[in-house]
Structures are given as structure tokens and as C-alpha cells.
Amino acid sequence: MAEAVFHAPKRKRRVNESYESPLPIPFWQDPGPRQGCPQLRAELINSRVIVRRSEDMKQLYGKGYFGKGVLSRSRPCFTGSDPKLVATWKDMKTRMPIITSKKYERRVEWATEVMRRQGQDESTVCEILKEFTKPLGHPCTGRSEKCEQCDARGSQVASTLCHTAETQGPSVMNGDSGQRGGHPDGLQESSGHDLPPAHRLEGPMVEDTAALPREPLSAQSGHQPAGQMGSEAEYVLVEESLCDEQQEAGTLAEDWVHRRRLTCRRNPYRIFEYLQLSLEEAFFLAYALGCLSVHYEEEPLTLVKLWRAFTAVQPAFRTTYMAYHHFRSKGWVPKVGLKYGTDLLLYRKGPPFYHASYSVMVELVDDCFEGAPRRPFSWKSLAALSRVSASVSKELLLCYLVKPSTMTEEEMGSPECMKRIKVQEVILSRWVSSRERSDPDEL
């Protein structure tokens, strides 16, 4: 049998971040709270595992590259600012997002549509938004007298909005508590479809295909109440042109001077970044590291419930997780390999530093290497997958999870079954006669 040759991973040319050691793997015997491990929180929403607290997102992605930001390419770093405007106004020392007037108008339209769906009449909607989106003067970069005036005015507008919502119909704002007429920190949409009761996790679960809301309803940590200029999501700086004012004053078109300014306004429709974990990542953090608590309707789920719930959502979860656990424990950073037609992609250190080295296909077989394959291959399909992997400078690795023939389905219903699983890896490469021609005397 030919010996597999492991090639060095291909390092990326431009690396803009430093490497931070991943979360440690603790050694313990009894389940329970882990000493010295960070206690992170996630939520199971519509068959997805979501992390909302900003500190938890930094811990998970910075130490091991777990998950992916839903509004970012990978690292959850969405701020809401326009990058071009940030570069233009780089001398402006502020933490507030800077957006264009068109984007601000679009957010006002979104807020208008939300209030209409909540049953508000047109006059009430116009009155609320007119008062809510008034300019608050010049942008404030520090705690000065102008900032105090802006804070007082913002609090006054917030109280007006709250009073209007309580007296004229359903709430137009959803706060952290989810109650009507609550925390007046933005016009936001409700969470939509309700999830099934938590006790259904013990049995078969039907995947809810309803989409997640565009924003996680003020669930971020470090959230500040209305009226504080330090809140990055509470206020925005809108770049506006002075041409409109000159046009209203009757100035001739040839005399217009295209100057721009930043105007501080309240944000009518806030958009938050959150981290989405794959099911394999979430279970590894809860089972292997013991640092993540997954909640379902404010109830923390046990490891057995998580194992069964994830299996109901994704039938191949048990197979892919065993492979994920195996490669994570060996120091690789596995990611979903859907874009290359495989189950996993293996990175050294993490995606920011190296390109993926291996494309992994996972199969669960018995000790006689028999069983129903998850993805039956013909020679054509296998050759095509091998060519795709080679064209993107990756090696195709077949990972076989070997279970005892006597293992029952009931035993597979608990994560303890992994103690009896063996792993065998096979690297599949295309044989090229011109490169690997042997000496005739050796045959």
C-alpha cells in the first residue's frame, strides 16, 4: 500500500491579524461547572445556534474561529458605517456609525413598514417618525455642553415616542423585555414565528423554516439606554449635502456649492451583528470544552437533549460531528465544506492565516466496512470531486468512522457512543502516469 504524503499548508500572503491561542480543552471526570472556563451563552432559534452577546462573540471567534458573523464575511465586525465615509471623515473622533442620507432614508422606510404592519395609522406613523428623526445638531465627539443638550433632546423625543405608543395603539418598539410600550431605543420588528415548546426537544423535532429576524431585538450585551450618546447603535451620523438647503433658498443652480456635513440623528431601525454557530461547533463547545450553554426558550439544554435535537434537525449530525471532534482534537480548524462539495474543510490555525489543506468526506461504517453510504459515489463522481479539490489546491481526504457491528441505534442516541468509534483516514489522489512512471526493472 502506498504511503500518504502530507503536504505543508499554503499560507496566505496578506495576514492582517495576530494569532491568539484557542480555547483550552479541560480535563475532568464529572460533569458540571468547569473551573477556569468562560461561561458563554447561545440560543437555539429556528434550528440555528445564535450567539448575541458581543463579549461571547469575541471569545468564540478570536479563540478558535468558531462560527461566522451573519453580516460580515467571517469575523463579526459589522459596525453599520460606510467604509468610504469612514475614510473621508477619518479626522472625526467618534464611535457612532457614519452612513449616507440614502441609507438613512431606507431605514426610515423600514421603520415605517414595521409600524404599518403593527396597525398604526398613517398620521401616527408620520408624526412619530417626524419627531424621532429630527436632527440633533452637530456630531458630538466628547462630553461637552452640546452633548448634554443632545442627550436632553434625545430623552425628550424618546419619552414622546413612548407616550404615543402607549396612548394610540400597539407598541411600536420592542425592548429587551419584549413588553409593549417598553424600552424606547429604536423601532424594531417582532421576532415573528413562535418556537415549539421546549419539551418537544425530547422527541422528533420538525425544522422551522421561518427566517430569523433582521435584528436580534436588543439582546446585545453592553446595551445602553436611550439618551446616551455613547451608544453606537442609538445614534448615527448622516452625511448630508448643503445643496438641498440652497435650492430651497432660491439659489441658482450654477451657484450651488457641493459641500457636505455630518448631522447627528437617532437611528430609526437598528441592525445588530450576531454570530451563527454550526451544530457541530456548538456541540463541541458544550461537550468537549464545556464552556457553552445552549438555551431553548430561556431553558438550558442538557448534552443528551442537544445531541437528540441536533440529530432531529440534521440527520447526518452524528456522523459529521464525530469527524469534527476528531479533527478539532488534532489541532485543525474544521469548517463547512459545502462550497467544494464536501463535508468539511481543514485549516491550520484558522482561515485568516492559511488556505484549507484538505477537503473531507465523512462516512459511517461498521467494523467490516459495510453499511449504507451517506453519499454513494460512482467512479465518475469520485473523479470529478477529486479534480475539483485538486483545482483549488486541496487534497481529498476520506474519513471513515468505524463503529462496532453490535452497536444499536439506542446507543447512538447518546454522545457516549463516540468512545467506541474508531477513525481511519484515506487520502485520495489522482495517479498521473507521466509524473509517477516507475522504472521497468522495478516491475
Protein backbone atom coordinates (compact mmCIF):
# COMPACT_ATOMS: atom_id res chain seq x y z
CA MET A 1 0.00 0.00 0.00
CA ALA A 2 1.34 3.44 -0.92
CA GLU A 3 2.17 5.78 1.94
CA ALA A 4 0.28 9.07 2.06
CA VAL A 5 2.38 12.21 1.74
CA PHE A 6 1.19 15.19 3.77
CA HIS A 7 2.00 18.48 2.10
CA ALA A 8 2.64 21.68 4.03
CA PRO A 9 -0.40 24.00 4.14
CA LYS A 10 -0.37 27.05 1.88
CA ARG A 11 -0.04 30.26 3.87
CA LYS A 12 -1.95 33.35 2.81
CA ARG A 13 0.07 36.27 1.52
CA ARG A 14 -1.68 39.01 3.47
CA VAL A 15 -2.46 38.39 7.11
CA ASN A 16 -3.96 41.36 8.95
CA GLU A 17 -4.38 39.87 12.42
CA SER A 18 -2.33 38.15 15.06
CA TYR A 19 -2.84 34.57 16.17
CA GLU A 20 -4.43 34.01 19.57
CA SER A 21 -4.30 30.67 21.31
CA PRO A 22 -7.59 28.76 21.11
CA LEU A 23 -9.88 27.88 23.98
CA PRO A 24 -8.23 25.23 26.18
CA ILE A 25 -9.53 21.68 26.35
CA PRO A 26 -10.08 20.92 30.07
CA PHE A 27 -9.64 17.52 31.62
CA TRP A 28 -12.37 16.45 34.01
CA GLN A 29 -14.24 13.35 35.08
CA ASP A 30 -17.57 14.52 36.44
CA PRO A 31 -19.99 16.76 34.52
CA GLY A 32 -20.76 20.15 35.97
CA PRO A 33 -19.33 23.66 36.02
CA ARG A 34 -15.77 23.81 34.70
CA GLN A 35 -13.32 25.80 36.76
CA GLY A 36 -11.45 28.43 34.77
CA CYS A 37 -13.53 28.04 31.58
CA PRO A 38 -15.52 31.02 30.28
CA GLN A 39 -19.26 30.53 30.54
CA LEU A 40 -20.68 31.54 27.16
CA ARG A 41 -24.33 31.62 26.14
CA ALA A 42 -26.06 30.71 22.88
CA GLU A 43 -29.68 30.28 21.83
CA LEU A 44 -31.35 27.68 19.65
CA ILE A 45 -33.64 29.66 17.31
CA ASN A 46 -35.31 28.15 14.25
CA SER A 47 -32.85 25.23 14.21
CA ARG A 48 -29.89 27.62 14.33
CA VAL A 49 -27.48 28.31 17.17
CA ILE A 50 -27.07 32.06 17.68
CA VAL A 51 -24.67 33.96 19.95
CA ARG A 52 -25.78 37.53 20.65
CA ARG A 53 -23.56 38.93 23.39
CA SER A 54 -20.62 40.86 21.97
CA GLU A 55 -18.10 39.58 24.53
CA ASP A 56 -19.09 35.98 23.81
CA MET A 57 -18.69 36.55 20.07
CA LYS A 58 -15.18 37.92 20.58
CA GLN A 59 -14.22 34.94 22.72
CA LEU A 60 -15.56 32.33 20.32
CA TYR A 61 -14.23 33.73 17.09
CA GLY A 62 -10.99 35.12 18.47
CA LYS A 63 -10.02 31.90 20.27
CA GLY A 64 -10.56 29.12 17.77
CA TYR A 65 -12.51 30.79 14.94
CA PHE A 66 -15.84 29.29 15.90
CA GLY A 67 -18.86 30.45 13.92
CA LYS A 68 -19.37 33.22 11.39
CA GLY A 69 -20.82 36.70 11.57
CA VAL A 70 -24.09 36.93 9.67
CA LEU A 71 -23.41 40.49 8.46
CA SER A 72 -19.68 40.05 7.91
CA ARG A 73 -17.58 37.78 5.73
CA SER A 74 -16.26 35.80 8.69
CA ARG A 75 -15.23 37.76 11.81
CA PRO A 76 -18.27 39.52 13.37
CA CYS A 77 -17.08 43.11 12.92
CA PHE A 78 -20.12 44.82 11.37
CA THR A 79 -20.43 48.41 12.61
CA GLY A 80 -23.06 49.84 10.26
CA SER A 81 -20.72 52.52 8.91
CA ASP A 82 -20.00 53.11 5.26
CA PRO A 83 -16.25 52.34 4.76
CA LYS A 84 -15.83 55.15 2.22
CA LEU A 85 -17.38 57.69 4.57
CA VAL A 86 -15.24 56.50 7.45
CA ALA A 87 -12.14 57.11 5.31
CA THR A 88 -13.43 60.52 4.26
CA TRP A 89 -14.20 61.63 7.82
CA LYS A 90 -11.23 59.91 9.44
CA ASP A 91 -10.41 63.06 11.41
CA MET A 92 -13.79 62.86 13.15
CA LYS A 93 -13.16 61.20 16.52
CA THR A 94 -16.42 59.38 17.11
CA ARG A 95 -17.69 55.86 17.70
CA MET A 96 -21.08 56.45 16.07
CA PRO A 97 -21.80 54.86 12.66
CA ILE A 98 -21.47 57.15 9.64
CA ILE A 99 -23.94 56.47 6.81
CA THR A 100 -25.23 58.23 3.72
CA SER A 101 -28.54 60.06 3.57
CA LYS A 102 -29.93 57.41 1.19
CA LYS A 103 -29.21 54.64 3.68
CA TYR A 104 -30.84 56.66 6.44
CA GLU A 105 -33.94 57.18 4.32
CA ARG A 106 -34.04 53.45 3.65
CA ARG A 107 -34.00 52.75 7.40
CA VAL A 108 -36.82 55.22 7.89
CA GLU A 109 -38.82 53.32 5.23
CA TRP A 110 -38.16 50.04 7.05
CA ALA A 111 -39.34 51.55 10.33
CA THR A 112 -42.44 52.93 8.60
CA GLU A 113 -43.28 49.50 7.19
CA VAL A 114 -42.86 47.88 10.61
CA MET A 115 -45.26 50.31 12.28
CA ARG A 116 -47.80 49.87 9.47
CA ARG A 117 -47.76 46.11 9.96
CA GLN A 118 -48.31 46.68 13.66
CA GLY A 119 -51.58 48.51 12.95
CA GLN A 120 -50.54 52.16 13.26
CA ASP A 121 -52.48 54.62 11.14
CA GLU A 122 -50.66 56.81 8.63
CA SER A 123 -50.90 60.05 10.59
CA THR A 124 -49.48 58.47 13.74
CA VAL A 125 -46.61 56.92 11.79
CA CYS A 126 -45.71 60.24 10.19
CA GLU A 127 -45.92 62.09 13.50
CA ILE A 128 -43.73 59.59 15.33
CA LEU A 129 -41.06 59.44 12.64
CA LYS A 130 -41.03 63.21 12.15
CA GLU A 131 -40.26 63.74 15.82
CA PHE A 132 -37.95 60.75 16.06
CA THR A 133 -35.71 61.65 13.11
CA LYS A 134 -35.15 65.33 13.88
CA PRO A 135 -31.51 66.41 13.58
CA LEU A 136 -29.74 66.71 16.91
CA GLY A 137 -27.22 69.33 15.88
CA HIS A 138 -23.54 68.84 15.21
CA PRO A 139 -21.90 65.45 15.85
CA CYS A 140 -20.62 65.12 19.40
CA THR A 141 -17.20 63.57 19.92
CA GLY A 142 -16.91 64.14 23.67
CA ARG A 143 -18.88 65.02 26.78
CA SER A 144 -19.35 68.72 26.14
CA GLU A 145 -22.21 71.15 26.64
CA LYS A 146 -23.53 70.37 23.16
CA CYS A 147 -23.61 66.70 24.03
CA GLU A 148 -25.63 67.43 27.14
CA GLN A 149 -28.14 69.33 25.04
CA CYS A 150 -28.32 66.43 22.54
CA ASP A 151 -28.85 63.96 25.36
CA ALA A 152 -31.68 66.03 26.83
CA ARG A 153 -33.33 66.37 23.44
CA GLY A 154 -32.94 62.66 22.70
CA SER A 155 -34.52 61.72 26.01
CA GLN A 156 -37.40 64.10 25.35
CA VAL A 157 -38.04 62.51 21.93
CA ALA A 158 -37.87 59.04 23.44
CA SER A 159 -40.43 59.93 26.10
CA THR A 160 -42.71 61.37 23.42
CA LEU A 161 -42.44 58.15 21.41
CA CYS A 162 -43.16 56.03 24.44
CA HIS A 163 -46.20 58.14 25.38
CA THR A 164 -47.53 57.98 21.80
CA ALA A 165 -47.12 54.19 21.70
CA GLU A 166 -48.98 53.73 24.99
CA THR A 167 -51.89 56.02 24.15
CA GLN A 168 -52.52 55.33 20.47
CA GLY A 169 -52.31 51.59 19.99
CA PRO A 170 -49.89 48.65 19.87
CA SER A 171 -46.28 49.16 20.80
CA VAL A 172 -44.01 50.34 18.02
CA MET A 173 -40.88 49.40 19.88
CA ASN A 174 -39.60 46.13 21.28
CA GLY A 175 -37.23 46.41 24.17
CA ASP A 176 -35.09 43.84 25.96
CA SER A 177 -38.05 42.59 27.98
CA GLY A 178 -40.23 42.18 24.90
CA GLN A 179 -43.14 44.01 26.55
CA ARG A 180 -45.39 46.54 24.90
CA GLY A 181 -44.54 50.19 25.36
CA GLY A 182 -41.20 49.20 26.85
CA HIS A 183 -37.67 50.44 26.31
CA PRO A 184 -37.77 53.23 23.68
CA ASP A 185 -34.47 52.53 22.00
CA GLY A 186 -35.47 52.08 18.36
CA LEU A 187 -38.26 50.97 16.09
CA GLN A 188 -37.85 47.24 15.73
CA GLU A 189 -39.71 44.30 14.35
CA SER A 190 -41.04 41.47 16.48
CA SER A 191 -39.45 38.02 16.40
CA GLY A 192 -42.10 36.54 14.12
CA HIS A 193 -42.95 32.84 14.48
CA ASP A 194 -43.04 31.30 17.94
CA LEU A 195 -40.92 28.25 18.60
CA PRO A 196 -42.45 24.95 19.74
CA PRO A 197 -42.44 24.16 23.48
CA ALA A 198 -39.14 23.02 24.97
CA HIS A 199 -40.44 19.55 25.85
CA ARG A 200 -40.63 18.73 22.12
CA LEU A 201 -36.87 18.53 22.05
CA GLU A 202 -37.08 15.14 23.70
CA GLY A 203 -38.88 13.67 20.71
CA PRO A 204 -38.75 14.23 16.96
CA MET A 205 -38.28 17.85 16.04
CA VAL A 206 -39.63 19.43 12.87
CA GLU A 207 -37.31 22.07 11.48
CA ASP A 208 -38.85 25.53 11.40
CA THR A 209 -38.14 27.12 8.05
CA ALA A 210 -39.08 30.62 9.19
CA ALA A 211 -36.23 33.08 8.72
CA LEU A 212 -34.54 34.79 11.61
CA PRO A 213 -35.40 38.46 12.17
CA ARG A 214 -33.12 41.01 10.59
CA GLU A 215 -32.06 42.12 14.06
CA PRO A 216 -31.90 40.25 17.34
CA LEU A 217 -34.15 42.66 19.25
CA SER A 218 -31.78 44.46 21.60
CA ALA A 219 -30.22 41.31 23.01
CA GLN A 220 -26.63 42.51 22.82
CA SER A 221 -24.59 42.85 25.97
CA GLY A 222 -23.42 46.28 26.91
CA HIS A 223 -26.65 47.81 25.62
CA GLN A 224 -27.12 51.40 26.78
CA PRO A 225 -30.47 53.08 27.43
CA ALA A 226 -31.87 55.80 25.22
CA GLY A 227 -30.49 59.29 25.54
CA GLN A 228 -26.81 58.32 25.86
CA MET A 229 -24.62 59.49 23.01
CA GLY A 230 -22.07 56.75 23.72
CA SER A 231 -24.36 54.08 22.33
CA GLU A 232 -23.12 53.18 18.86
CA ALA A 233 -26.49 51.87 17.70
CA GLU A 234 -28.65 54.58 19.29
CA TYR A 235 -27.43 57.44 17.09
CA VAL A 236 -25.92 57.72 13.62
CA LEU A 237 -24.04 60.42 11.75
CA VAL A 238 -25.70 61.12 8.40
CA GLU A 239 -23.69 62.72 5.61
CA GLU A 240 -25.93 65.33 4.01
CA SER A 241 -25.40 67.81 1.21
CA LEU A 242 -25.99 71.53 1.58
CA CYS A 243 -27.40 71.78 -1.98
CA ASP A 244 -30.94 71.00 -0.82
CA GLU A 245 -30.99 73.96 1.57
CA GLN A 246 -29.59 76.29 -1.08
CA GLN A 247 -32.17 75.10 -3.57
CA GLU A 248 -34.94 75.84 -1.10
CA ALA A 249 -33.50 79.33 -0.60
CA GLY A 250 -33.81 80.03 -4.33
CA THR A 251 -30.09 79.97 -5.18
CA LEU A 252 -29.26 79.49 -8.86
CA ALA A 253 -28.06 76.05 -9.89
CA GLU A 254 -24.70 77.34 -11.15
CA ASP A 255 -24.03 78.93 -7.76
CA TRP A 256 -24.54 75.73 -5.78
CA VAL A 257 -21.53 74.62 -3.81
CA HIS A 258 -21.46 70.88 -3.27
CA ARG A 259 -20.45 70.86 0.36
CA ARG A 260 -21.29 68.10 2.80
CA ARG A 261 -21.74 67.91 6.52
CA LEU A 262 -22.44 65.33 9.19
CA THR A 263 -25.74 65.52 11.05
CA CYS A 264 -26.42 63.56 14.22
CA ARG A 265 -29.77 61.74 14.15
CA ARG A 266 -31.46 58.97 16.07
CA ASN A 267 -31.35 55.57 14.39
CA PRO A 268 -34.92 54.52 13.45
CA TYR A 269 -34.06 50.93 12.51
CA ARG A 270 -31.13 49.35 14.28
CA ILE A 271 -29.27 46.38 12.81
CA PHE A 272 -27.16 44.19 15.08
CA GLU A 273 -24.41 41.73 14.28
CA TYR A 274 -24.55 38.25 15.80
CA LEU A 275 -22.55 35.04 15.49
CA GLN A 276 -24.04 31.89 13.99
CA LEU A 277 -22.51 28.58 15.04
CA SER A 278 -22.84 25.37 13.10
CA LEU A 279 -24.38 22.50 15.01
CA GLU A 280 -21.02 20.73 15.18
CA GLU A 281 -19.30 23.81 16.58
CA ALA A 282 -22.00 24.38 19.18
CA PHE A 283 -21.92 20.80 20.44
CA PHE A 284 -18.11 20.73 20.54
CA LEU A 285 -18.09 23.87 22.69
CA ALA A 286 -20.71 22.41 25.02
CA TYR A 287 -19.45 18.81 25.15
CA ALA A 288 -15.68 18.88 24.62
CA LEU A 289 -14.81 22.31 26.05
CA GLY A 290 -17.71 22.72 28.47
CA CYS A 291 -17.77 26.49 28.01
CA LEU A 292 -21.05 26.99 26.11
CA SER A 293 -24.60 26.81 27.41
CA VAL A 294 -27.26 26.48 24.69
CA HIS A 295 -30.69 27.78 25.73
CA TYR A 296 -34.06 26.99 24.21
CA GLU A 297 -36.82 29.37 25.33
CA GLU A 298 -34.67 30.51 28.28
CA GLU A 299 -34.12 26.90 29.35
CA PRO A 300 -30.56 25.47 29.24
CA LEU A 301 -30.39 22.18 27.38
CA THR A 302 -28.51 19.14 28.58
CA LEU A 303 -25.95 17.41 26.37
CA VAL A 304 -28.29 14.50 25.66
CA LYS A 305 -31.08 16.87 24.64
CA LEU A 306 -28.69 18.79 22.42
CA TRP A 307 -27.48 15.57 20.79
CA ARG A 308 -31.03 14.45 20.01
CA ALA A 309 -32.22 17.91 18.95
CA PHE A 310 -29.33 18.43 16.52
CA THR A 311 -29.84 14.92 15.13
CA ALA A 312 -33.51 15.69 14.51
CA VAL A 313 -32.62 18.94 12.75
CA GLN A 314 -29.76 17.47 10.71
CA PRO A 315 -29.96 13.66 10.27
CA ALA A 316 -26.24 13.40 9.43
CA PHE A 317 -25.23 15.39 12.51
CA ARG A 318 -23.83 12.44 14.46
CA THR A 319 -21.56 11.41 11.62
CA THR A 320 -20.25 14.88 10.83
CA TYR A 321 -19.79 15.76 14.50
CA MET A 322 -17.62 12.71 15.19
CA ALA A 323 -15.34 13.74 12.35
CA TYR A 324 -15.40 17.36 13.53
CA HIS A 325 -14.49 16.30 17.08
CA HIS A 326 -11.64 14.14 15.75
CA PHE A 327 -10.02 16.85 13.65
CA ARG A 328 -10.55 19.63 16.22
CA SER A 329 -8.83 17.50 18.83
CA LYS A 330 -5.86 17.09 16.48
CA GLY A 331 -5.41 20.86 16.17
CA TRP A 332 -7.21 21.57 12.89
CA VAL A 333 -9.91 24.20 12.45
CA PRO A 334 -12.76 22.45 10.57
CA LYS A 335 -15.27 24.48 8.59
CA VAL A 336 -18.25 23.53 6.44
CA GLY A 337 -17.08 22.34 3.00
CA LEU A 338 -20.34 22.79 1.14
CA LYS A 339 -18.89 25.18 -1.44
CA TYR A 340 -16.49 22.46 -2.61
CA GLY A 341 -18.98 19.60 -2.43
CA THR A 342 -17.52 18.02 0.73
CA ASP A 343 -18.46 17.77 4.38
CA LEU A 344 -15.55 19.62 5.99
CA LEU A 345 -12.57 21.83 5.18
CA LEU A 346 -9.49 21.67 7.39
CA TYR A 347 -7.48 24.81 8.16
CA ARG A 348 -4.22 25.16 10.04
CA LYS A 349 -4.55 27.79 12.81
CA GLY A 350 -7.57 29.35 11.10
CA PRO A 351 -8.97 30.76 7.83
CA PRO A 352 -7.20 34.15 8.19
CA PHE A 353 -3.73 32.54 8.12
CA TYR A 354 -3.83 29.52 5.80
CA HIS A 355 -5.89 28.22 2.93
CA ALA A 356 -7.74 24.98 3.59
CA SER A 357 -5.44 21.97 3.23
CA TYR A 358 -7.96 19.14 2.99
CA SER A 359 -11.48 18.57 1.73
CA VAL A 360 -13.03 15.85 3.89
CA MET A 361 -15.73 13.35 3.05
CA VAL A 362 -17.15 11.51 6.08
CA GLU A 363 -18.70 8.03 6.09
CA LEU A 364 -20.01 5.91 8.97
CA VAL A 365 -19.37 2.17 8.52
CA ASP A 366 -19.23 -0.93 10.70
CA ASP A 367 -16.10 -2.89 11.55
CA CYS A 368 -16.48 -4.83 8.28
CA PHE A 369 -16.55 -1.56 6.32
CA GLU A 370 -20.14 -2.18 5.34
CA GLY A 371 -23.23 -0.05 5.70
CA ALA A 372 -25.50 2.30 3.80
CA PRO A 373 -23.29 5.13 2.44
CA ARG A 374 -24.44 8.68 3.09
CA ARG A 375 -23.36 9.75 -0.38
CA PRO A 376 -22.93 6.86 -2.87
CA PHE A 377 -20.10 7.52 -5.30
CA SER A 378 -19.56 6.29 -8.80
CA TRP A 379 -16.13 6.41 -10.40
CA LYS A 380 -17.18 9.45 -12.40
CA SER A 381 -18.47 11.42 -9.43
CA LEU A 382 -15.44 10.48 -7.33
CA ALA A 383 -13.06 11.52 -10.11
CA ALA A 384 -14.96 14.79 -10.54
CA LEU A 385 -14.73 15.56 -6.79
CA SER A 386 -11.02 14.76 -6.87
CA ARG A 387 -10.45 17.13 -9.78
CA VAL A 388 -12.41 19.91 -8.03
CA SER A 389 -10.28 19.50 -4.89
CA ALA A 390 -7.06 19.50 -6.91
CA SER A 391 -8.09 22.61 -8.86
CA VAL A 392 -8.40 24.60 -5.59
CA SER A 393 -5.10 23.26 -4.19
CA LYS A 394 -6.66 20.89 -1.68
CA GLU A 395 -6.32 17.19 -1.06
CA LEU A 396 -9.35 14.95 -0.88
CA LEU A 397 -9.46 13.02 2.39
CA LEU A 398 -11.91 10.19 3.06
CA CYS A 399 -12.67 9.86 6.77
CA TYR A 400 -14.23 6.54 7.79
CA LEU A 401 -15.86 6.32 11.22
CA VAL A 402 -15.81 2.64 12.19
CA LYS A 403 -18.40 1.56 14.73
CA PRO A 404 -18.87 -1.93 16.23
CA SER A 405 -21.41 -4.10 14.46
CA THR A 406 -23.14 -4.71 17.79
CA MET A 407 -23.84 -1.02 18.43
CA THR A 408 -27.57 -0.34 18.41
CA GLU A 409 -29.47 2.78 17.40
CA GLU A 410 -30.38 3.37 21.04
CA GLU A 411 -26.70 3.51 21.96
CA MET A 412 -26.14 6.01 19.14
CA GLY A 413 -28.70 8.29 20.81
CA SER A 414 -26.12 9.49 23.33
CA PRO A 415 -22.76 11.20 22.79
CA GLU A 416 -21.15 8.46 24.88
CA CYS A 417 -21.18 6.27 21.76
CA MET A 418 -18.12 8.16 20.48
CA LYS A 419 -15.91 6.29 22.95
CA ARG A 420 -16.35 3.13 20.85
CA ILE A 421 -15.78 4.75 17.46
CA LYS A 422 -12.52 4.33 15.55
CA VAL A 423 -11.33 6.65 12.78
CA GLN A 424 -9.49 5.74 9.60
CA GLU A 425 -8.27 8.37 7.13
CA VAL A 426 -7.54 7.80 3.44
CA ILE A 427 -6.08 10.44 1.12
CA LEU A 428 -7.33 10.07 -2.43
CA SER A 429 -5.11 11.43 -5.19
CA ARG A 430 -5.18 11.16 -8.96
CA TRP A 431 -2.49 8.97 -10.50
CA VAL A 432 -0.67 10.71 -13.36
CA SER A 433 1.43 8.30 -15.42
CA SER A 434 3.82 10.95 -16.72
CA ARG A 435 4.70 12.06 -13.18
CA GLU A 436 4.72 8.72 -11.40
CA ARG A 437 6.20 6.44 -14.07
CA SER A 438 8.28 3.66 -12.47
CA ASP A 439 11.44 2.07 -13.76
CA PRO A 440 10.60 -1.07 -15.83
CA ASP A 441 13.25 -3.00 -13.88
CA GLU A 442 11.32 -2.46 -10.67
CA LEU A 443 8.15 -4.06 -12.03
